[in-house]
ModelCIF file with pLDDT and N, C-alpha, C, O atoms, coordinates in Angstrom:
data_MODEL
#
_entry.id   MODEL 
#
_entity.id                         1 
_entity.type                       polymer 
_entity.pdbx_number_of_molecules   1 
#
_entity_poly.entity_id                      1 
_entity_poly.type                           'polypeptide(L)' 
_entity_poly.nstd_linkage                   no 
_entity_poly.nstd_monomer                   no 
_entity_poly.pdbx_seq_one_letter_code       RRKEKLDDKFAGIAANYRLLRGALNEVIALQGTGRLKAVIE 
_entity_poly.pdbx_seq_one_letter_code_can   RRKEKLDDKFAGIAANYRLLRGALNEVIALQGTGRLKAVIE 
_entity_poly.pdbx_strand_id                 A 
#
loop_
_entity_poly_seq.entity_id 
_entity_poly_seq.num 
_entity_poly_seq.mon_id 
_entity_poly_seq.hetero 
1 1  ARG n 
1 2  ARG n 
1 3  LYS n 
1 4  GLU n 
1 5  LYS n 
1 6  LEU n 
1 7  ASP n 
1 8  ASP n 
1 9  LYS n 
1 10 PHE n 
1 11 ALA n 
1 12 GLY n 
1 13 ILE n 
1 14 ALA n 
1 15 ALA n 
1 16 ASN n 
1 17 TYR n 
1 18 ARG n 
1 19 LEU n 
1 20 LEU n 
1 21 ARG n 
1 22 GLY n 
1 23 ALA n 
1 24 LEU n 
1 25 ASN n 
1 26 GLU n 
1 27 VAL n 
1 28 ILE n 
1 29 ALA n 
1 30 LEU n 
1 31 GLN n 
1 32 GLY n 
1 33 THR n 
1 34 GLY n 
1 35 ARG n 
1 36 LEU n 
1 37 LYS n 
1 38 ALA n 
1 39 VAL n 
1 40 ILE n 
1 41 GLU n 
#
_struct_asym.id          A 
_struct_asym.entity_id   1 
#
loop_
_ma_qa_metric.id 
_ma_qa_metric.mode 
_ma_qa_metric.name 
_ma_qa_metric.software_group_id 
_ma_qa_metric.type 
1 global pLDDT . pLDDT 
2 local  pLDDT . pLDDT 
#
_ma_qa_metric_global.metric_id      1 
_ma_qa_metric_global.metric_value   95.68 
_ma_qa_metric_global.model_id       1 
_ma_qa_metric_global.ordinal_id     1 
#
loop_
_ma_qa_metric_local.label_asym_id 
_ma_qa_metric_local.label_comp_id 
_ma_qa_metric_local.label_seq_id 
_ma_qa_metric_local.metric_id 
_ma_qa_metric_local.metric_value 
_ma_qa_metric_local.model_id 
_ma_qa_metric_local.ordinal_id 
A ARG 1  2 84.00 1 1  
A ARG 2  2 82.00 1 2  
A LYS 3  2 87.00 1 3  
A GLU 4  2 88.00 1 4  
A LYS 5  2 92.00 1 5  
A LEU 6  2 95.00 1 6  
A ASP 7  2 94.00 1 7  
A ASP 8  2 93.00 1 8  
A LYS 9  2 94.00 1 9  
A PHE 10 2 97.00 1 10 
A ALA 11 2 96.00 1 11 
A GLY 12 2 97.00 1 12 
A ILE 13 2 98.00 1 13 
A ALA 14 2 98.00 1 14 
A ALA 15 2 98.00 1 15 
A ASN 16 2 98.00 1 16 
A TYR 17 2 98.00 1 17 
A ARG 18 2 98.00 1 18 
A LEU 19 2 98.00 1 19 
A LEU 20 2 98.00 1 20 
A ARG 21 2 97.00 1 21 
A GLY 22 2 97.00 1 22 
A ALA 23 2 98.00 1 23 
A LEU 24 2 97.00 1 24 
A ASN 25 2 97.00 1 25 
A GLU 26 2 97.00 1 26 
A VAL 27 2 98.00 1 27 
A ILE 28 2 97.00 1 28 
A ALA 29 2 96.00 1 29 
A LEU 30 2 97.00 1 30 
A GLN 31 2 97.00 1 31 
A GLY 32 2 96.00 1 32 
A THR 33 2 96.00 1 33 
A GLY 34 2 96.00 1 34 
A ARG 35 2 97.00 1 35 
A LEU 36 2 98.00 1 36 
A LYS 37 2 98.00 1 37 
A ALA 38 2 98.00 1 38 
A VAL 39 2 98.00 1 39 
A ILE 40 2 98.00 1 40 
A GLU 41 2 97.00 1 41 
#
loop_
_atom_site.group_PDB 
_atom_site.id 
_atom_site.type_symbol 
_atom_site.label_atom_id 
_atom_site.label_alt_id 
_atom_site.label_comp_id 
_atom_site.label_asym_id 
_atom_site.label_entity_id 
_atom_site.label_seq_id 
_atom_site.pdbx_PDB_ins_code 
_atom_site.Cartn_x 
_atom_site.Cartn_y 
_atom_site.Cartn_z 
_atom_site.occupancy 
_atom_site.B_iso_or_equiv 
_atom_site.pdbx_formal_charge 
_atom_site.auth_seq_id 
_atom_site.auth_comp_id 
_atom_site.auth_asym_id 
_atom_site.auth_atom_id 
_atom_site.pdbx_PDB_model_num 
ATOM 1   N N  . ARG A 1 1  ? -59.212 -49.701 -159.206 1.00 84.00 ? 1  ARG A N  1 
ATOM 2   C CA . ARG A 1 1  ? -57.804 -49.893 -159.066 1.00 84.00 ? 1  ARG A CA 1 
ATOM 3   C C  . ARG A 1 1  ? -57.915 -51.320 -158.119 1.00 84.00 ? 1  ARG A C  1 
ATOM 4   O O  . ARG A 1 1  ? -58.795 -51.581 -157.300 1.00 84.00 ? 1  ARG A O  1 
ATOM 5   N N  . ARG A 1 2  ? -56.937 -52.010 -158.436 1.00 82.00 ? 2  ARG A N  1 
ATOM 6   C CA . ARG A 1 2  ? -56.814 -53.678 -157.761 1.00 82.00 ? 2  ARG A CA 1 
ATOM 7   C C  . ARG A 1 2  ? -56.957 -53.687 -156.201 1.00 82.00 ? 2  ARG A C  1 
ATOM 8   O O  . ARG A 1 2  ? -57.403 -52.582 -155.893 1.00 82.00 ? 2  ARG A O  1 
ATOM 9   N N  . LYS A 1 3  ? -56.814 -54.280 -155.343 1.00 87.00 ? 3  LYS A N  1 
ATOM 10  C CA . LYS A 1 3  ? -57.002 -54.093 -154.033 1.00 87.00 ? 3  LYS A CA 1 
ATOM 11  C C  . LYS A 1 3  ? -55.988 -54.880 -153.309 1.00 87.00 ? 3  LYS A C  1 
ATOM 12  O O  . LYS A 1 3  ? -55.576 -54.631 -152.176 1.00 87.00 ? 3  LYS A O  1 
ATOM 13  N N  . GLU A 1 4  ? -55.552 -56.046 -154.221 1.00 88.00 ? 4  GLU A N  1 
ATOM 14  C CA . GLU A 1 4  ? -54.817 -56.939 -153.390 1.00 88.00 ? 4  GLU A CA 1 
ATOM 15  C C  . GLU A 1 4  ? -53.262 -56.680 -153.409 1.00 88.00 ? 4  GLU A C  1 
ATOM 16  O O  . GLU A 1 4  ? -52.556 -57.567 -152.928 1.00 88.00 ? 4  GLU A O  1 
ATOM 17  N N  . LYS A 1 5  ? -52.625 -55.484 -153.949 1.00 92.00 ? 5  LYS A N  1 
ATOM 18  C CA . LYS A 1 5  ? -51.682 -55.071 -154.124 1.00 92.00 ? 5  LYS A CA 1 
ATOM 19  C C  . LYS A 1 5  ? -51.609 -53.671 -154.280 1.00 92.00 ? 5  LYS A C  1 
ATOM 20  O O  . LYS A 1 5  ? -52.577 -52.911 -154.295 1.00 92.00 ? 5  LYS A O  1 
ATOM 21  N N  . LEU A 1 6  ? -49.969 -53.240 -154.441 1.00 95.00 ? 6  LEU A N  1 
ATOM 22  C CA . LEU A 1 6  ? -50.249 -51.674 -154.708 1.00 95.00 ? 6  LEU A CA 1 
ATOM 23  C C  . LEU A 1 6  ? -50.310 -51.437 -156.356 1.00 95.00 ? 6  LEU A C  1 
ATOM 24  O O  . LEU A 1 6  ? -49.616 -52.000 -157.202 1.00 95.00 ? 6  LEU A O  1 
ATOM 25  N N  . ASP A 1 7  ? -51.055 -50.716 -156.501 1.00 94.00 ? 7  ASP A N  1 
ATOM 26  C CA . ASP A 1 7  ? -51.741 -50.079 -157.927 1.00 94.00 ? 7  ASP A CA 1 
ATOM 27  C C  . ASP A 1 7  ? -50.735 -49.669 -158.841 1.00 94.00 ? 7  ASP A C  1 
ATOM 28  O O  . ASP A 1 7  ? -49.944 -48.867 -158.344 1.00 94.00 ? 7  ASP A O  1 
ATOM 29  N N  . ASP A 1 8  ? -50.542 -49.946 -159.921 1.00 93.00 ? 8  ASP A N  1 
ATOM 30  C CA . ASP A 1 8  ? -49.579 -49.381 -160.937 1.00 93.00 ? 8  ASP A CA 1 
ATOM 31  C C  . ASP A 1 8  ? -49.669 -48.055 -160.742 1.00 93.00 ? 8  ASP A C  1 
ATOM 32  O O  . ASP A 1 8  ? -48.635 -47.477 -160.408 1.00 93.00 ? 8  ASP A O  1 
ATOM 33  N N  . LYS A 1 9  ? -50.548 -47.503 -160.856 1.00 94.00 ? 9  LYS A N  1 
ATOM 34  C CA . LYS A 1 9  ? -50.279 -45.788 -160.972 1.00 94.00 ? 9  LYS A CA 1 
ATOM 35  C C  . LYS A 1 9  ? -49.282 -45.020 -159.668 1.00 94.00 ? 9  LYS A C  1 
ATOM 36  O O  . LYS A 1 9  ? -48.850 -43.868 -159.628 1.00 94.00 ? 9  LYS A O  1 
ATOM 37  N N  . PHE A 1 10 ? -49.097 -46.340 -158.491 1.00 97.00 ? 10 PHE A N  1 
ATOM 38  C CA . PHE A 1 10 ? -48.091 -45.728 -157.823 1.00 97.00 ? 10 PHE A CA 1 
ATOM 39  C C  . PHE A 1 10 ? -46.798 -46.367 -158.188 1.00 97.00 ? 10 PHE A C  1 
ATOM 40  O O  . PHE A 1 10 ? -46.017 -46.567 -157.257 1.00 97.00 ? 10 PHE A O  1 
ATOM 41  N N  . ALA A 1 11 ? -46.462 -46.699 -159.320 1.00 96.00 ? 11 ALA A N  1 
ATOM 42  C CA . ALA A 1 11 ? -45.352 -47.533 -159.559 1.00 96.00 ? 11 ALA A CA 1 
ATOM 43  C C  . ALA A 1 11 ? -44.089 -46.586 -159.771 1.00 96.00 ? 11 ALA A C  1 
ATOM 44  O O  . ALA A 1 11 ? -42.899 -46.866 -159.629 1.00 96.00 ? 11 ALA A O  1 
ATOM 45  N N  . GLY A 1 12 ? -44.646 -45.463 -160.128 1.00 97.00 ? 12 GLY A N  1 
ATOM 46  C CA . GLY A 1 12 ? -43.142 -44.468 -160.566 1.00 97.00 ? 12 GLY A CA 1 
ATOM 47  C C  . GLY A 1 12 ? -42.935 -43.779 -158.842 1.00 97.00 ? 12 GLY A C  1 
ATOM 48  O O  . GLY A 1 12 ? -41.779 -43.586 -158.465 1.00 97.00 ? 12 GLY A O  1 
ATOM 49  N N  . ILE A 1 13 ? -43.798 -43.534 -158.135 1.00 98.00 ? 13 ILE A N  1 
ATOM 50  C CA . ILE A 1 13 ? -43.367 -42.990 -157.132 1.00 98.00 ? 13 ILE A CA 1 
ATOM 51  C C  . ILE A 1 13 ? -42.494 -43.898 -155.991 1.00 98.00 ? 13 ILE A C  1 
ATOM 52  O O  . ILE A 1 13 ? -41.635 -43.396 -155.266 1.00 98.00 ? 13 ILE A O  1 
ATOM 53  N N  . ALA A 1 14 ? -42.909 -45.442 -155.973 1.00 98.00 ? 14 ALA A N  1 
ATOM 54  C CA . ALA A 1 14 ? -42.462 -46.296 -155.574 1.00 98.00 ? 14 ALA A CA 1 
ATOM 55  C C  . ALA A 1 14 ? -41.338 -46.197 -155.833 1.00 98.00 ? 14 ALA A C  1 
ATOM 56  O O  . ALA A 1 14 ? -40.539 -45.841 -154.967 1.00 98.00 ? 14 ALA A O  1 
ATOM 57  N N  . ALA A 1 15 ? -40.844 -46.563 -157.453 1.00 98.00 ? 15 ALA A N  1 
ATOM 58  C CA . ALA A 1 15 ? -38.983 -46.808 -157.842 1.00 98.00 ? 15 ALA A CA 1 
ATOM 59  C C  . ALA A 1 15 ? -38.780 -45.093 -156.865 1.00 98.00 ? 15 ALA A C  1 
ATOM 60  O O  . ALA A 1 15 ? -37.966 -45.103 -155.941 1.00 98.00 ? 15 ALA A O  1 
ATOM 61  N N  . ASN A 1 16 ? -39.475 -43.890 -157.135 1.00 98.00 ? 16 ASN A N  1 
ATOM 62  C CA . ASN A 1 16 ? -38.600 -42.600 -156.676 1.00 98.00 ? 16 ASN A CA 1 
ATOM 63  C C  . ASN A 1 16 ? -38.245 -43.161 -154.810 1.00 98.00 ? 16 ASN A C  1 
ATOM 64  O O  . ASN A 1 16 ? -37.177 -43.032 -154.212 1.00 98.00 ? 16 ASN A O  1 
ATOM 65  N N  . TYR A 1 17 ? -39.296 -43.654 -154.381 1.00 98.00 ? 17 TYR A N  1 
ATOM 66  C CA . TYR A 1 17 ? -38.942 -43.946 -152.868 1.00 98.00 ? 17 TYR A CA 1 
ATOM 67  C C  . TYR A 1 17 ? -37.579 -44.642 -152.283 1.00 98.00 ? 17 TYR A C  1 
ATOM 68  O O  . TYR A 1 17 ? -36.776 -44.439 -151.373 1.00 98.00 ? 17 TYR A O  1 
ATOM 69  N N  . ARG A 1 18 ? -37.855 -45.873 -153.669 1.00 98.00 ? 18 ARG A N  1 
ATOM 70  C CA . ARG A 1 18 ? -36.452 -47.216 -153.114 1.00 98.00 ? 18 ARG A CA 1 
ATOM 71  C C  . ARG A 1 18 ? -35.359 -46.304 -153.028 1.00 98.00 ? 18 ARG A C  1 
ATOM 72  O O  . ARG A 1 18 ? -34.707 -46.092 -152.005 1.00 98.00 ? 18 ARG A O  1 
ATOM 73  N N  . LEU A 1 19 ? -35.131 -45.609 -154.490 1.00 98.00 ? 19 LEU A N  1 
ATOM 74  C CA . LEU A 1 19 ? -33.789 -45.153 -155.014 1.00 98.00 ? 19 LEU A CA 1 
ATOM 75  C C  . LEU A 1 19 ? -33.584 -44.161 -154.296 1.00 98.00 ? 19 LEU A C  1 
ATOM 76  O O  . LEU A 1 19 ? -32.374 -43.933 -154.261 1.00 98.00 ? 19 LEU A O  1 
ATOM 77  N N  . LEU A 1 20 ? -34.371 -43.204 -153.491 1.00 98.00 ? 20 LEU A N  1 
ATOM 78  C CA . LEU A 1 20 ? -34.000 -42.326 -153.013 1.00 98.00 ? 20 LEU A CA 1 
ATOM 79  C C  . LEU A 1 20 ? -33.570 -42.578 -151.804 1.00 98.00 ? 20 LEU A C  1 
ATOM 80  O O  . LEU A 1 20 ? -32.626 -41.865 -151.465 1.00 98.00 ? 20 LEU A O  1 
ATOM 81  N N  . ARG A 1 21 ? -33.999 -43.485 -150.891 1.00 97.00 ? 21 ARG A N  1 
ATOM 82  C CA . ARG A 1 21 ? -33.991 -44.144 -149.851 1.00 97.00 ? 21 ARG A CA 1 
ATOM 83  C C  . ARG A 1 21 ? -32.028 -44.404 -149.608 1.00 97.00 ? 21 ARG A C  1 
ATOM 84  O O  . ARG A 1 21 ? -31.410 -44.242 -148.556 1.00 97.00 ? 21 ARG A O  1 
ATOM 85  N N  . GLY A 1 22 ? -31.386 -44.894 -151.150 1.00 97.00 ? 22 GLY A N  1 
ATOM 86  C CA . GLY A 1 22 ? -30.131 -45.125 -151.480 1.00 97.00 ? 22 GLY A CA 1 
ATOM 87  C C  . GLY A 1 22 ? -29.002 -43.914 -150.758 1.00 97.00 ? 22 GLY A C  1 
ATOM 88  O O  . GLY A 1 22 ? -27.810 -44.089 -150.503 1.00 97.00 ? 22 GLY A O  1 
ATOM 89  N N  . ALA A 1 23 ? -29.760 -42.778 -150.563 1.00 98.00 ? 23 ALA A N  1 
ATOM 90  C CA . ALA A 1 23 ? -28.906 -41.544 -151.023 1.00 98.00 ? 23 ALA A CA 1 
ATOM 91  C C  . ALA A 1 23 ? -29.665 -40.343 -150.297 1.00 98.00 ? 23 ALA A C  1 
ATOM 92  O O  . ALA A 1 23 ? -29.534 -39.136 -150.500 1.00 98.00 ? 23 ALA A O  1 
ATOM 93  N N  . LEU A 1 24 ? -30.603 -41.094 -149.277 1.00 97.00 ? 24 LEU A N  1 
ATOM 94  C CA . LEU A 1 24 ? -31.634 -39.357 -148.851 1.00 97.00 ? 24 LEU A CA 1 
ATOM 95  C C  . LEU A 1 24 ? -30.839 -38.565 -147.576 1.00 97.00 ? 24 LEU A C  1 
ATOM 96  O O  . LEU A 1 24 ? -31.261 -37.441 -147.304 1.00 97.00 ? 24 LEU A O  1 
ATOM 97  N N  . ASN A 1 25 ? -29.952 -38.988 -146.956 1.00 97.00 ? 25 ASN A N  1 
ATOM 98  C CA . ASN A 1 25 ? -29.514 -37.937 -146.422 1.00 97.00 ? 25 ASN A CA 1 
ATOM 99  C C  . ASN A 1 25 ? -28.537 -37.290 -147.230 1.00 97.00 ? 25 ASN A C  1 
ATOM 100 O O  . ASN A 1 25 ? -28.483 -36.083 -146.992 1.00 97.00 ? 25 ASN A O  1 
ATOM 101 N N  . GLU A 1 26 ? -27.961 -37.579 -147.868 1.00 97.00 ? 26 GLU A N  1 
ATOM 102 C CA . GLU A 1 26 ? -27.046 -36.713 -149.015 1.00 97.00 ? 26 GLU A CA 1 
ATOM 103 C C  . GLU A 1 26 ? -27.902 -35.762 -149.686 1.00 97.00 ? 26 GLU A C  1 
ATOM 104 O O  . GLU A 1 26 ? -27.398 -34.654 -149.866 1.00 97.00 ? 26 GLU A O  1 
ATOM 105 N N  . VAL A 1 27 ? -29.149 -35.953 -150.120 1.00 98.00 ? 27 VAL A N  1 
ATOM 106 C CA . VAL A 1 27 ? -29.965 -35.208 -150.397 1.00 98.00 ? 27 VAL A CA 1 
ATOM 107 C C  . VAL A 1 27 ? -30.402 -34.026 -150.164 1.00 98.00 ? 27 VAL A C  1 
ATOM 108 O O  . VAL A 1 27 ? -30.542 -32.954 -150.752 1.00 98.00 ? 27 VAL A O  1 
ATOM 109 N N  . ILE A 1 28 ? -30.663 -34.697 -148.705 1.00 97.00 ? 28 ILE A N  1 
ATOM 110 C CA . ILE A 1 28 ? -30.966 -33.679 -147.490 1.00 97.00 ? 28 ILE A CA 1 
ATOM 111 C C  . ILE A 1 28 ? -29.825 -32.490 -147.345 1.00 97.00 ? 28 ILE A C  1 
ATOM 112 O O  . ILE A 1 28 ? -30.074 -31.285 -147.303 1.00 97.00 ? 28 ILE A O  1 
ATOM 113 N N  . ALA A 1 29 ? -28.688 -33.021 -147.288 1.00 96.00 ? 29 ALA A N  1 
ATOM 114 C CA . ALA A 1 29 ? -27.455 -32.003 -147.021 1.00 96.00 ? 29 ALA A CA 1 
ATOM 115 C C  . ALA A 1 29 ? -27.342 -31.164 -148.161 1.00 96.00 ? 29 ALA A C  1 
ATOM 116 O O  . ALA A 1 29 ? -26.872 -30.028 -148.104 1.00 96.00 ? 29 ALA A O  1 
ATOM 117 N N  . LEU A 1 30 ? -27.908 -31.890 -149.548 1.00 97.00 ? 30 LEU A N  1 
ATOM 118 C CA . LEU A 1 30 ? -27.098 -30.994 -150.658 1.00 97.00 ? 30 LEU A CA 1 
ATOM 119 C C  . LEU A 1 30 ? -28.831 -29.763 -150.814 1.00 97.00 ? 30 LEU A C  1 
ATOM 120 O O  . LEU A 1 30 ? -28.768 -28.673 -151.381 1.00 97.00 ? 30 LEU A O  1 
ATOM 121 N N  . GLN A 1 31 ? -29.718 -30.130 -150.390 1.00 97.00 ? 31 GLN A N  1 
ATOM 122 C CA . GLN A 1 31 ? -30.898 -29.025 -150.397 1.00 97.00 ? 31 GLN A CA 1 
ATOM 123 C C  . GLN A 1 31 ? -30.683 -27.779 -149.912 1.00 97.00 ? 31 GLN A C  1 
ATOM 124 O O  . GLN A 1 31 ? -30.478 -27.599 -148.711 1.00 97.00 ? 31 GLN A O  1 
ATOM 125 N N  . GLY A 1 32 ? -30.709 -26.725 -150.854 1.00 96.00 ? 32 GLY A N  1 
ATOM 126 C CA . GLY A 1 32 ? -30.491 -25.519 -150.251 1.00 96.00 ? 32 GLY A CA 1 
ATOM 127 C C  . GLY A 1 32 ? -28.972 -24.853 -150.397 1.00 96.00 ? 32 GLY A C  1 
ATOM 128 O O  . GLY A 1 32 ? -28.635 -23.807 -149.842 1.00 96.00 ? 32 GLY A O  1 
ATOM 129 N N  . THR A 1 33 ? -28.228 -25.568 -151.148 1.00 96.00 ? 33 THR A N  1 
ATOM 130 C CA . THR A 1 33 ? -26.796 -25.138 -151.322 1.00 96.00 ? 33 THR A CA 1 
ATOM 131 C C  . THR A 1 33 ? -26.768 -24.502 -152.865 1.00 96.00 ? 33 THR A C  1 
ATOM 132 O O  . THR A 1 33 ? -25.762 -23.884 -153.215 1.00 96.00 ? 33 THR A O  1 
ATOM 133 N N  . GLY A 1 34 ? -27.442 -24.599 -153.414 1.00 96.00 ? 34 GLY A N  1 
ATOM 134 C CA . GLY A 1 34 ? -27.460 -24.156 -155.125 1.00 96.00 ? 34 GLY A CA 1 
ATOM 135 C C  . GLY A 1 34 ? -26.613 -25.556 -155.587 1.00 96.00 ? 34 GLY A C  1 
ATOM 136 O O  . GLY A 1 34 ? -26.365 -25.311 -156.767 1.00 96.00 ? 34 GLY A O  1 
ATOM 137 N N  . ARG A 1 35 ? -26.125 -26.688 -155.335 1.00 97.00 ? 35 ARG A N  1 
ATOM 138 C CA . ARG A 1 35 ? -25.468 -27.632 -155.900 1.00 97.00 ? 35 ARG A CA 1 
ATOM 139 C C  . ARG A 1 35 ? -26.123 -28.732 -156.544 1.00 97.00 ? 35 ARG A C  1 
ATOM 140 O O  . ARG A 1 35 ? -25.803 -29.655 -157.293 1.00 97.00 ? 35 ARG A O  1 
ATOM 141 N N  . LEU A 1 36 ? -27.499 -28.158 -155.792 1.00 98.00 ? 36 LEU A N  1 
ATOM 142 C CA . LEU A 1 36 ? -28.421 -29.890 -156.192 1.00 98.00 ? 36 LEU A CA 1 
ATOM 143 C C  . LEU A 1 36 ? -29.649 -29.200 -157.333 1.00 98.00 ? 36 LEU A C  1 
ATOM 144 O O  . LEU A 1 36 ? -29.892 -27.993 -157.366 1.00 98.00 ? 36 LEU A O  1 
ATOM 145 N N  . LYS A 1 37 ? -30.153 -29.956 -157.990 1.00 98.00 ? 37 LYS A N  1 
ATOM 146 C CA . LYS A 1 37 ? -30.640 -29.589 -159.452 1.00 98.00 ? 37 LYS A CA 1 
ATOM 147 C C  . LYS A 1 37 ? -31.388 -31.053 -159.623 1.00 98.00 ? 37 LYS A C  1 
ATOM 148 O O  . LYS A 1 37 ? -30.918 -32.178 -159.459 1.00 98.00 ? 37 LYS A O  1 
ATOM 149 N N  . ALA A 1 38 ? -32.984 -30.563 -160.086 1.00 98.00 ? 38 ALA A N  1 
ATOM 150 C CA . ALA A 1 38 ? -33.488 -31.738 -160.795 1.00 98.00 ? 38 ALA A CA 1 
ATOM 151 C C  . ALA A 1 38 ? -33.672 -31.435 -162.110 1.00 98.00 ? 38 ALA A C  1 
ATOM 152 O O  . ALA A 1 38 ? -33.741 -30.250 -162.436 1.00 98.00 ? 38 ALA A O  1 
ATOM 153 N N  . VAL A 1 39 ? -33.791 -32.552 -163.155 1.00 98.00 ? 39 VAL A N  1 
ATOM 154 C CA . VAL A 1 39 ? -34.077 -32.380 -164.428 1.00 98.00 ? 39 VAL A CA 1 
ATOM 155 C C  . VAL A 1 39 ? -35.421 -33.160 -164.547 1.00 98.00 ? 39 VAL A C  1 
ATOM 156 O O  . VAL A 1 39 ? -35.406 -34.101 -163.753 1.00 98.00 ? 39 VAL A O  1 
ATOM 157 N N  . ILE A 1 40 ? -36.514 -33.101 -165.224 1.00 98.00 ? 40 ILE A N  1 
ATOM 158 C CA . ILE A 1 40 ? -37.869 -33.865 -165.448 1.00 98.00 ? 40 ILE A CA 1 
ATOM 159 C C  . ILE A 1 40 ? -37.899 -33.952 -167.039 1.00 98.00 ? 40 ILE A C  1 
ATOM 160 O O  . ILE A 1 40 ? -37.465 -32.889 -167.484 1.00 98.00 ? 40 ILE A O  1 
ATOM 161 N N  . GLU A 1 41 ? -38.123 -34.508 -167.681 1.00 97.00 ? 41 GLU A N  1 
ATOM 162 C CA . GLU A 1 41 ? -38.962 -35.018 -169.143 1.00 97.00 ? 41 GLU A CA 1 
ATOM 163 C C  . GLU A 1 41 ? -40.021 -34.416 -169.059 1.00 97.00 ? 41 GLU A C  1 
ATOM 164 O O  . GLU A 1 41 ? -40.874 -34.542 -169.938 1.00 97.00 ? 41 GLU A O  1 
#
């Protein structure tokens, strides 16, 4: 991998973290309630 910047192998996880930061408290509050589910391809 290249050393000067974040490798592309982490691009999807970086996109997750960036997006989740916009609703992080809401996700935490919904966990365990049965009203939050994940779908994945």
